[in-house]
Amino acid sequence: MVGFGSYHYVYASGHTGDWPLAGFSPRKQHLVVYLVGGYEERHASVLARLGPHTTGKGCLYLKRLDAVDEGALRELIDRTVRVHRGVDRAGRPPGP
């Protein structure tokens, strides 16, 4: 896994840790981009532009990078970084 930047998280249970602002992992079947959880609902219009993909909890699975819309992928990663930095809240879509 390749991570970019970092942020510190604290769960309600008291568990804490550090994680990348954005992450990427080339796996055997998919390329995985790690995003903030719940992005599927908040950014459905961006995902519609993305191209072929599947999603999981906080994970975006891509078969090939050359088959996705680079601008849409960049937007999803940017929004994730903004949430982790506290610029946007995860519970609402970012403003203009």
Protein backbone atom coordinates (compact mmCIF):
# COMPACT_ATOMS: atom_id res chain seq x y z
CA MET A 1 0.00 0.00 0.00
CA VAL A 2 1.17 3.48 -0.80
CA GLY A 3 -0.12 6.26 1.44
CA PHE A 4 -0.08 10.00 0.89
CA GLY A 5 -0.06 12.35 3.85
CA SER A 6 -1.43 11.23 7.21
CA TYR A 7 -4.08 12.02 9.76
CA HIS A 8 -4.73 10.93 13.33
CA TYR A 9 -8.09 9.34 14.15
CA VAL A 10 -9.87 8.62 17.43
CA TYR A 11 -12.86 6.27 17.61
CA ALA A 12 -15.62 6.60 20.21
CA SER A 13 -14.24 3.39 21.75
CA GLY A 14 -10.99 5.21 22.48
CA HIS A 15 -9.00 3.37 19.81
CA THR A 16 -6.61 5.75 18.06
CA GLY A 17 -4.23 5.52 15.16
CA ASP A 18 -2.72 7.13 12.12
CA TRP A 19 -3.74 6.48 8.53
CA PRO A 20 -2.93 8.04 5.15
CA LEU A 21 -5.04 10.94 3.89
CA ALA A 22 -5.33 8.93 0.68
CA GLY A 23 -4.07 5.45 -0.12
CA PHE A 24 -3.51 3.21 -3.12
CA SER A 25 -2.81 -0.51 -3.30
CA PRO A 26 -2.24 -2.59 -6.43
CA ARG A 27 -3.80 -5.99 -5.71
CA LYS A 28 -4.01 -9.07 -7.88
CA GLN A 29 -7.59 -8.50 -9.10
CA HIS A 30 -8.04 -4.76 -8.59
CA LEU A 31 -6.34 -1.47 -7.97
CA VAL A 32 -7.69 -0.18 -4.66
CA VAL A 33 -8.05 3.48 -3.74
CA TYR A 34 -8.83 4.06 -0.06
CA LEU A 35 -11.39 6.84 0.47
CA VAL A 36 -13.35 8.21 3.42
CA GLY A 37 -16.23 5.90 4.34
CA GLY A 38 -19.70 6.69 2.99
CA TYR A 39 -18.43 8.30 -0.20
CA GLU A 40 -20.77 6.14 -2.32
CA GLU A 41 -23.85 8.01 -1.10
CA ARG A 42 -22.32 11.49 -0.87
CA HIS A 43 -20.61 11.47 -4.25
CA ALA A 44 -22.86 9.31 -6.44
CA SER A 45 -22.74 11.84 -9.31
CA VAL A 46 -18.92 11.74 -9.35
CA LEU A 47 -18.94 7.93 -9.28
CA ALA A 48 -21.34 7.93 -12.24
CA ARG A 49 -18.69 9.81 -14.26
CA LEU A 50 -15.82 7.63 -13.04
CA GLY A 51 -16.21 4.66 -15.35
CA PRO A 52 -15.95 0.95 -14.49
CA HIS A 53 -15.53 0.38 -10.76
CA THR A 54 -16.92 -1.38 -7.72
CA THR A 55 -17.06 -0.08 -4.17
CA GLY A 56 -16.64 -1.34 -0.65
CA LYS A 57 -16.68 0.35 2.72
CA GLY A 58 -14.12 3.10 2.14
CA CYS A 59 -12.57 1.28 -0.85
CA LEU A 60 -12.83 2.01 -4.53
CA TYR A 61 -11.88 -0.96 -6.75
CA LEU A 62 -10.66 -0.33 -10.29
CA LYS A 63 -9.59 -2.86 -12.92
CA ARG A 64 -7.51 -0.41 -14.97
CA LEU A 65 -6.59 3.22 -14.40
CA ASP A 66 -6.73 4.00 -18.12
CA ALA A 67 -10.43 3.04 -18.14
CA VAL A 68 -11.56 5.64 -15.58
CA ASP A 69 -12.18 9.37 -15.81
CA GLU A 70 -9.07 10.97 -14.29
CA GLY A 71 -10.93 14.13 -13.26
CA ALA A 72 -13.59 12.16 -11.38
CA LEU A 73 -10.94 10.07 -9.61
CA ARG A 74 -9.01 13.20 -8.67
CA GLU A 75 -12.21 14.77 -7.30
CA LEU A 76 -12.97 11.73 -5.10
CA ILE A 77 -9.44 11.71 -3.70
CA ASP A 78 -9.48 15.47 -3.14
CA ARG A 79 -12.77 15.27 -1.25
CA THR A 80 -11.41 12.45 0.93
CA VAL A 81 -8.31 14.47 1.80
CA ARG A 82 -10.47 17.51 2.63
CA VAL A 83 -12.60 15.43 5.04
CA HIS A 84 -9.54 13.94 6.76
CA ARG A 85 -8.00 17.39 7.13
CA GLY A 86 -11.24 18.70 8.66
CA VAL A 87 -12.01 21.10 5.79
CA ASP A 88 -15.27 19.25 5.01
CA ARG A 89 -17.39 17.09 7.28
CA ALA A 90 -18.01 13.48 6.26
CA GLY A 91 -21.72 13.82 7.04
CA ARG A 92 -22.49 16.28 4.25
CA PRO A 93 -21.30 16.95 0.72
CA PRO A 94 -18.60 19.62 0.44
CA GLY A 95 -19.78 23.07 -0.55
CA PRO A 96 -18.66 24.93 -3.65
